[in-house]
Protein backbone atom coordinates (compact mmCIF):
# COMPACT_ATOMS: atom_id res chain seq x y z
CA MET A 1 129.43 112.40 72.10
CA GLU A 2 128.20 111.50 75.58
CA GLN A 3 126.25 113.56 78.03
CA THR A 4 127.98 115.27 80.93
CA SER A 5 128.52 113.32 84.13
CA LYS A 6 125.78 115.37 85.79
CA ALA A 7 123.23 114.55 83.07
CA SER A 8 124.33 110.93 83.02
CA LYS A 9 123.85 110.68 86.77
CA ARG A 10 120.40 112.26 86.56
CA ASN A 11 119.30 109.79 83.90
CA PHE A 12 120.92 106.92 85.80
CA TYR A 13 118.58 107.54 88.75
CA SER A 14 115.60 108.33 86.50
CA PHE A 15 115.94 104.94 84.85
CA LEU A 16 116.29 103.33 88.27
CA TRP A 17 113.09 105.06 89.44
CA HIS A 18 111.29 103.51 86.52
CA ALA A 19 112.92 100.14 87.17
CA GLY A 20 111.88 100.16 90.83
CA PHE A 21 108.18 100.83 90.25
CA LEU A 22 108.16 98.64 87.15
CA ALA A 23 109.50 95.83 89.34
CA PHE A 24 106.64 96.39 91.77
CA ALA A 25 104.14 96.34 88.91
CA THR A 26 105.69 93.28 87.25
CA ASN A 27 104.37 90.75 89.74
CA PHE A 28 100.81 91.92 89.20
CA MET A 29 101.11 91.41 85.44
CA ASP A 30 103.76 88.66 85.31
CA VAL A 31 103.91 87.13 81.83
CA ASP A 32 105.28 83.81 83.10
CA THR A 33 102.79 83.06 85.88
CA ILE A 34 99.93 85.52 86.44
CA ILE A 35 98.77 86.09 82.86
CA PRO A 36 98.94 82.44 81.69
CA ALA A 37 97.26 81.29 84.93
CA MET A 38 94.49 83.83 84.38
CA LEU A 39 94.08 82.61 80.80
CA VAL A 40 93.73 78.99 81.90
CA GLU A 41 91.25 80.04 84.61
CA ALA A 42 89.23 81.77 81.89
CA GLY A 43 89.02 78.50 79.96
CA GLY A 44 92.15 78.72 77.82
CA SER A 45 93.82 75.60 76.38
CA ALA A 46 97.42 74.79 75.44
CA ILE A 47 96.80 76.45 72.06
CA HIS A 48 95.61 79.63 73.78
CA VAL A 49 98.61 79.66 76.12
CA GLY A 50 100.94 79.18 73.17
CA LEU A 51 99.31 81.99 71.19
CA LEU A 52 99.34 84.43 74.11
CA THR A 53 102.97 83.56 74.94
CA ALA A 54 103.91 84.11 71.30
CA ILE A 55 102.32 87.56 71.42
CA MET A 56 103.86 88.55 74.75
CA LEU A 57 107.38 87.17 74.47
CA GLY A 58 108.17 86.84 70.78
CA GLY A 59 105.67 88.53 68.52
CA SER A 60 105.79 91.89 70.25
CA SER A 61 109.58 91.99 69.99
CA PHE A 62 109.39 90.97 66.34
CA THR A 63 107.33 94.11 65.62
CA GLN A 64 110.38 96.18 66.55
CA LEU A 65 111.42 95.56 62.94
CA LEU A 66 108.43 97.64 61.91
CA PHE A 67 108.77 100.31 64.60
CA ALA A 68 112.52 100.89 64.20
CA PRO A 69 112.50 102.80 60.86
CA PHE A 70 109.88 105.25 62.16
CA LEU A 71 111.54 105.81 65.54
CA ASN A 72 115.07 105.95 64.19
CA ASN A 73 114.19 109.03 62.09
CA ARG A 74 113.15 110.91 65.22
CA LYS A 75 116.05 112.80 66.78
CA TYR A 76 114.48 112.77 70.23
CA LYS A 77 112.58 109.74 71.46
CA LYS A 78 111.42 110.65 74.95
CA GLY A 79 107.87 111.40 73.79
CA PHE A 80 107.58 108.04 72.05
CA LEU A 81 108.94 106.30 75.13
CA LEU A 82 106.14 107.87 77.18
CA LEU A 83 103.56 106.96 74.53
CA GLY A 84 104.61 103.31 74.71
CA ILE A 85 104.48 103.02 78.48
CA ASN A 86 101.17 104.88 78.77
CA SER A 87 99.55 102.50 76.27
CA ARG A 88 100.60 99.68 78.60
CA VAL A 89 99.03 101.46 81.56
CA ILE A 90 95.73 101.91 79.71
CA SER A 91 95.62 98.27 78.57
CA LEU A 92 96.24 96.95 82.11
CA LEU A 93 93.58 99.14 83.68
CA SER A 94 91.14 98.20 80.90
CA LEU A 95 91.84 94.50 81.43
CA GLY A 96 91.27 94.95 85.16
CA ALA A 97 87.93 96.66 84.50
CA LEU A 98 86.96 93.88 82.08
CA LEU A 99 87.61 91.15 84.63
CA TYR A 100 85.88 93.12 87.39
CA TYR A 101 82.62 93.64 85.51
CA LEU A 102 82.41 90.34 83.64
CA SER A 103 81.53 87.17 85.52
CA ALA A 104 83.39 83.89 85.28
CA HIS A 105 80.43 82.49 83.26
CA GLN A 106 81.30 84.79 80.35
CA SER A 107 84.64 83.07 79.69
CA ALA A 108 84.26 83.19 75.90
CA SER A 109 83.97 86.98 75.94
CA ILE A 110 86.80 87.29 78.46
CA LEU A 111 89.16 85.27 76.27
CA TRP A 112 88.65 87.57 73.29
CA PHE A 113 89.23 90.72 75.32
CA ILE A 114 92.24 89.22 77.10
CA PHE A 115 93.95 88.76 73.75
CA ILE A 116 93.07 92.30 72.63
CA PHE A 117 94.36 94.05 75.76
CA ILE A 118 97.45 91.85 76.14
CA THR A 119 98.32 92.52 72.49
CA ILE A 120 98.12 96.29 73.11
CA PHE A 121 100.15 95.85 76.29
CA SER A 122 102.85 93.84 74.50
CA LEU A 123 103.07 96.08 71.42
CA GLY A 124 103.34 99.15 73.68
CA GLY A 125 106.31 97.53 75.38
CA ALA A 126 108.02 96.75 72.07
CA PHE A 127 107.41 100.29 70.83
CA ALA A 128 108.82 101.81 74.03
CA ASN A 129 111.80 99.46 74.16
CA ILE A 130 113.45 100.90 71.05
CA SER A 131 113.38 104.42 72.50
CA TYR A 132 114.42 103.09 75.90
CA ILE A 133 117.57 101.43 74.54
CA ASP A 134 118.48 104.44 72.39
CA ILE A 135 118.10 106.95 75.24
CA LEU A 136 119.84 104.66 77.72
CA GLY A 137 122.76 104.08 75.38
CA LYS A 138 123.39 107.74 74.60
CA THR A 139 122.65 109.27 78.02
CA ILE A 140 124.37 106.92 80.47
CA ASN A 141 128.14 106.87 80.15
CA GLN A 142 129.66 103.59 79.00
CA LYS A 143 131.63 103.06 82.22
CA SER A 144 128.37 103.19 84.19
CA ARG A 145 126.33 100.79 82.08
CA LYS A 146 127.21 97.44 83.65
CA LYS A 147 126.78 99.04 87.07
CA PHE A 148 123.38 100.31 85.92
CA PHE A 149 122.21 96.91 84.68
CA SER A 150 123.39 95.24 87.86
CA SER A 151 121.91 97.97 90.10
CA LYS A 152 118.67 97.74 88.17
CA GLN A 153 118.50 94.01 88.74
CA ILE A 154 119.25 94.19 92.48
CA LEU A 155 116.75 97.02 92.98
CA SER A 156 114.15 95.21 90.92
CA GLY A 157 114.83 91.98 92.75
CA THR A 158 114.42 93.58 96.16
CA VAL A 159 111.21 95.42 95.27
CA VAL A 160 109.80 92.50 93.35
CA LEU A 161 110.31 90.15 96.29
CA PHE A 162 108.07 92.35 98.44
CA SER A 163 105.47 92.78 95.73
CA ALA A 164 105.46 89.03 95.04
CA MET A 165 104.33 88.40 98.61
CA LEU A 166 101.69 91.11 98.25
CA ALA A 167 100.53 89.72 94.91
CA ARG A 168 100.20 86.28 96.46
CA LYS A 169 97.86 87.71 99.11
CA VAL A 170 95.81 89.62 96.52
CA LEU A 171 95.29 86.42 94.52
CA LYS A 172 93.70 84.80 97.59
CA ILE A 173 91.38 87.72 98.48
CA GLU A 174 88.69 86.77 95.96
CA ASP A 175 87.95 84.08 93.42
CA PHE A 176 88.43 84.40 89.66
CA PRO A 177 87.97 86.86 87.97
CA ILE A 178 87.85 89.50 90.73
CA ASN A 179 91.26 88.57 92.17
CA TYR A 180 92.93 89.07 88.78
CA ALA A 181 91.04 92.36 88.30
CA TYR A 182 92.65 93.64 91.51
CA MET A 183 96.03 92.43 90.25
CA PHE A 184 95.81 94.43 87.04
CA PHE A 185 94.49 97.56 88.76
CA ILE A 186 97.51 97.57 91.08
CA GLY A 187 99.90 96.78 88.24
CA GLY A 188 98.54 99.54 86.03
CA LEU A 189 98.77 102.18 88.76
CA ALA A 190 102.34 101.15 89.67
CA LEU A 191 103.33 101.31 86.00
CA LEU A 192 101.85 104.80 85.80
CA ILE A 193 104.00 105.93 88.73
CA SER A 194 107.07 104.36 87.11
CA SER A 195 106.60 106.58 84.05
CA ALA A 196 107.56 109.61 86.17
CA GLY A 197 111.16 108.47 85.78
CA PHE A 198 110.87 108.90 82.02
CA TRP A 199 109.39 112.39 82.39
CA ASN A 200 112.55 113.33 84.31
CA LEU A 201 114.96 112.11 81.62
CA HIS A 202 117.33 114.64 80.08
CA GLU A 203 117.71 114.02 76.35
CA ASP A 204 119.68 116.64 74.45
CA ILE A 205 121.72 114.43 72.13
CA PRO A 206 120.05 113.71 68.74
CA SER A 207 120.53 110.25 67.34
CA GLY A 208 120.05 108.09 64.29
CA GLN A 209 120.61 108.25 60.57
CA LYS A 210 117.65 108.94 58.29
CA ILE A 211 115.83 105.92 56.87
CA LYS A 212 113.70 106.24 53.74
CA GLY A 213 111.09 103.54 54.16
CA MET A 214 111.19 99.81 54.90
CA ARG A 215 113.25 98.94 51.80
CA ASN A 216 115.99 101.29 52.93
CA PHE A 217 115.76 99.86 56.45
CA PHE A 218 116.24 96.28 55.29
CA GLY A 219 119.03 97.44 52.99
CA ILE A 220 120.85 98.95 55.97
CA MET A 221 120.19 95.79 57.94
CA LYS A 222 121.74 93.72 55.15
CA GLN A 223 124.83 95.99 55.14
CA GLU A 224 125.17 95.66 58.92
CA LEU A 225 124.85 91.87 58.72
CA VAL A 226 127.66 91.79 56.15
CA SER A 227 129.96 94.23 57.95
CA ASN A 228 129.25 93.16 61.53
CA LYS A 229 129.30 89.37 61.87
CA LYS A 230 128.61 89.64 65.58
CA LEU A 231 125.16 90.94 64.70
CA VAL A 232 124.51 87.71 62.75
CA TYR A 233 125.54 85.57 65.70
CA PHE A 234 123.62 87.80 68.11
CA LEU A 235 120.42 87.22 66.11
CA GLY A 236 121.18 83.51 66.09
CA PHE A 237 121.61 83.59 69.86
CA ILE A 238 118.24 85.32 70.42
CA ASN A 239 116.49 82.88 68.07
CA THR A 240 117.74 79.91 70.08
CA GLN A 241 118.32 80.92 73.69
CA GLY A 242 115.41 83.35 73.45
CA ILE A 243 112.87 80.53 73.65
CA ALA A 244 113.99 79.87 77.23
CA VAL A 245 111.99 82.87 78.44
CA THR A 246 108.85 81.38 76.87
CA LEU A 247 108.99 78.16 78.89
CA LEU A 248 107.46 79.11 82.26
CA PRO A 249 103.92 79.78 80.92
CA PHE A 250 103.92 76.16 79.73
CA VAL A 251 105.17 75.02 83.14
CA ILE A 252 102.13 76.80 84.62
CA LEU A 253 99.91 74.91 82.17
CA TYR A 254 101.77 71.68 83.04
CA ALA A 255 101.14 72.28 86.75
CA LYS A 256 97.44 73.03 86.25
CA GLN A 257 96.82 70.01 84.04
CA LEU A 258 98.84 67.45 85.98
CA PHE A 259 98.58 68.69 89.57
CA LYS A 260 95.40 70.81 89.46
CA THR A 261 97.14 73.86 90.95
CA GLY A 262 95.12 76.96 91.90
CA ALA A 263 95.61 80.67 92.57
CA ALA A 264 97.50 80.05 95.84
CA ASP A 265 99.98 77.82 93.99
CA THR A 266 100.39 80.44 91.25
CA GLY A 267 101.28 83.01 93.91
CA MET A 268 103.84 80.62 95.37
CA PHE A 269 105.38 79.94 91.95
CA LEU A 270 105.65 83.69 91.39
CA LEU A 271 107.39 84.18 94.75
CA PHE A 272 109.95 81.47 94.04
CA LYS A 273 110.62 82.87 90.57
CA ILE A 274 111.43 86.21 92.19
CA ILE A 275 113.77 84.53 94.65
CA GLY A 276 115.73 83.31 91.62
CA VAL A 277 115.80 86.83 90.17
CA VAL A 278 117.12 88.26 93.45
CA LEU A 279 119.81 85.61 93.82
CA VAL A 280 121.31 86.14 90.38
CA SER A 281 121.02 89.93 90.69
CA ILE A 282 123.12 89.93 93.84
CA MET A 283 125.73 87.65 92.26
CA VAL A 284 126.04 89.75 89.08
CA LEU A 285 126.21 93.01 91.05
CA ILE A 286 129.01 91.70 93.28
CA SER A 287 131.01 90.38 90.32
CA ALA A 288 130.18 93.15 87.82
CA LYS A 289 133.81 94.26 87.41
CA ILE A 290 135.17 90.80 86.64
CA THR A 291 132.25 89.00 84.99
CA ARG A 292 132.13 88.82 81.20
CA TYR A 293 128.84 88.55 79.38
CA LYS A 294 130.23 85.50 77.60
CA TYR A 295 130.21 83.41 80.78
CA LEU A 296 126.74 84.64 81.75
CA LEU A 297 125.48 83.44 78.35
CA TYR A 298 126.99 79.97 78.76
CA LEU A 299 125.61 79.69 82.28
CA ASN A 300 122.18 80.68 81.03
CA VAL A 301 122.13 77.91 78.43
CA GLY A 302 123.10 75.30 81.03
CA LEU A 303 120.39 76.42 83.43
CA SER A 304 117.81 76.57 80.63
CA LEU A 305 118.47 72.93 79.81
CA LEU A 306 118.37 71.98 83.49
CA LEU A 307 115.02 73.77 83.77
CA ALA A 308 113.40 71.43 81.24
CA ILE A 309 115.03 68.27 82.58
CA LEU A 310 113.89 68.92 86.14
CA THR A 311 110.37 69.91 85.10
CA ILE A 312 109.63 66.56 83.46
CA SER A 313 111.19 64.78 86.47
CA ILE A 314 108.95 66.44 89.08
CA SER A 315 106.17 64.28 90.54
CA ASP A 316 104.33 66.77 92.76
CA ALA A 317 103.27 70.42 92.75
CA VAL A 318 105.30 71.35 95.84
CA SER A 319 108.59 70.48 94.14
CA LEU A 320 107.65 72.61 91.13
CA ARG A 321 108.31 75.78 93.11
CA TYR A 322 112.05 75.12 92.82
CA ILE A 323 111.70 74.96 89.06
CA PHE A 324 110.56 78.58 89.22
CA VAL A 325 113.70 79.56 91.15
CA ILE A 326 115.75 78.35 88.19
CA GLY A 327 113.29 80.01 85.83
CA GLY A 328 113.83 83.33 87.60
CA ILE A 329 117.59 82.96 87.28
CA VAL A 330 117.30 82.16 83.56
CA TYR A 331 115.03 85.16 82.96
CA SER A 332 117.28 87.54 84.88
CA LEU A 333 120.51 86.35 83.25
CA TYR A 334 118.95 86.67 79.81
CA SER A 335 117.74 90.22 80.53
CA ILE A 336 121.14 91.37 81.82
CA SER A 337 123.25 89.71 79.16
CA MET A 338 121.09 90.37 76.08
CA ASN A 339 120.86 94.13 76.61
CA GLY A 340 124.53 94.36 77.55
CA VAL A 341 125.67 92.38 74.51
CA MET A 342 123.54 94.48 72.15
CA LEU A 343 125.06 97.68 73.48
CA GLU A 344 128.51 96.14 72.99
CA ILE A 345 128.06 95.08 69.38
CA SER A 346 126.24 98.28 68.28
CA GLY A 347 127.67 101.72 67.65
CA HIS A 348 126.67 104.98 69.33
CA SER A 349 124.57 106.27 66.42
CA ASN A 350 122.74 103.08 65.44
CA ARG A 351 121.39 101.67 68.69
CA ALA A 352 117.75 102.30 67.72
CA LEU A 353 118.44 100.45 64.48
CA TYR A 354 119.99 97.52 66.33
CA ALA A 355 117.02 97.41 68.69
CA GLY A 356 114.90 97.10 65.56
CA PHE A 357 117.20 94.49 64.05
CA SER A 358 116.86 92.43 67.23
CA GLY A 359 113.23 91.94 66.27
CA ALA A 360 114.47 89.55 63.58
CA GLY A 361 115.98 87.53 66.42
CA ASN A 362 112.52 86.91 67.83
CA ILE A 363 111.19 84.81 64.97
CA MET A 364 111.77 81.56 66.85
CA PRO A 365 110.57 82.90 70.25
CA MET A 366 107.42 83.98 68.40
CA LEU A 367 106.86 80.69 66.55
CA PHE A 368 107.99 78.27 69.26
CA PRO A 369 105.07 78.91 71.67
CA LEU A 370 102.60 78.43 68.80
CA LEU A 371 104.29 75.20 67.79
CA GLY A 372 104.64 74.21 71.44
CA GLY A 373 100.92 74.57 72.11
CA PHE A 374 100.18 72.34 69.11
CA ILE A 375 102.77 69.73 70.13
CA ILE A 376 101.40 69.56 73.68
CA GLU A 377 97.86 69.07 72.39
CA GLN A 378 98.90 66.36 69.90
CA PHE A 379 101.90 64.58 71.43
CA GLY A 380 102.15 65.63 75.08
CA PHE A 381 104.59 67.58 77.23
CA GLN A 382 107.60 65.27 76.83
CA SER A 383 107.86 65.90 73.08
CA PHE A 384 107.55 69.62 73.75
CA PHE A 385 110.41 69.63 76.26
CA VAL A 386 112.68 67.57 73.97
CA LEU A 387 112.23 70.09 71.13
CA TYR A 388 112.89 72.92 73.57
CA MET A 389 116.21 71.40 74.69
CA ILE A 390 117.38 70.80 71.11
CA ILE A 391 116.80 74.44 70.12
CA VAL A 392 118.37 75.90 73.28
CA SER A 393 121.49 73.72 72.82
CA MET A 394 122.12 75.42 69.46
CA ALA A 395 122.74 78.70 71.32
CA LEU A 396 126.16 77.41 72.42
CA PHE A 397 127.53 77.86 68.89
CA PHE A 398 126.35 81.45 68.60
CA ILE A 399 127.72 82.40 72.02
CA PHE A 400 131.11 81.03 71.01
CA LYS A 401 131.09 83.09 67.79
CA ILE A 402 129.96 86.32 69.50
CA ASP A 403 132.96 86.12 71.84
CA CYS A 404 132.04 89.07 74.08
CA LYS A 405 135.06 91.03 75.33
CA LYS A 406 133.35 92.90 78.19
């Protein structure tokens, strides 16, 4: 059962409202550039960057395994979606206040609180994402989904390009930590405005089968893995290609250690990353009717490998900005294709479950940054990039086995 065209259209634009203001907020809390740069400014090492990246980009998604049984038993998930996004708002504003009132000489205290607030921020996103996928899947008609993902990317890319230029200026207004405090204040307020789109959602279709505890959840997961082989390959794909979205924080660390980059350079890297997001968004939107997810996945692997090869070949900070263009393309392609593929391989009544199952696909994206930080400290960046390329190359097998039809 799908919602009426009128309700689907209403939710289509409600989700786009959220996407637009989220895109504006993203540059002020960017997990690939702003947050790792702030951490290094606060005295963080490669180990700290690896741990924070693991929390933000792998660990938080892994917790969806724990959230899914609880959320799946709720017929209506709008309230939980709002709870998740509002926890992110509170954590950003709190982090901004922390940086504003603590001086740069209290770096030890700042590091502890950074990890606390970023953990809340990341867990809130993982909690909200399950409800987001479930409501999106059951309230936007199937024929409109690829158009939605493409429209979302082009809107986000356009807004984010403007906000990237603004964020770059904000970073140069004051020195650390005041400049980052301003960043998180703006990001938190923009995220709060974006939540209005969720308040406007129309959710009248109940969803989900009842789950009796974690044992029952893992039993259902085992049954799905046996009956739906594409789920197995999908989890394999996330565990390999998924580490590509954890690379840019280490590129930031690489730039700071080798080229002594500062806040102005971080702003430039952010801007060029967004240029990559905009470019791929336009291309996918134009070719939405003829492009299959399968080819987007293959392209993403190729670009992810190129990203590492070019990074270790760069000899100056200025050239690094082009690395972030490719990084933006990789991030955008992964976002479009992963969500689209998950909707394709899941059924109408079990999308919340599959969103939870996808947490098992984030084991490697959670562990790789931790291992990466250790490898960089002990053996250097070259060993780190070689391991990265080996793991990403394995994704080719899983993409071939998934064999997306849409």
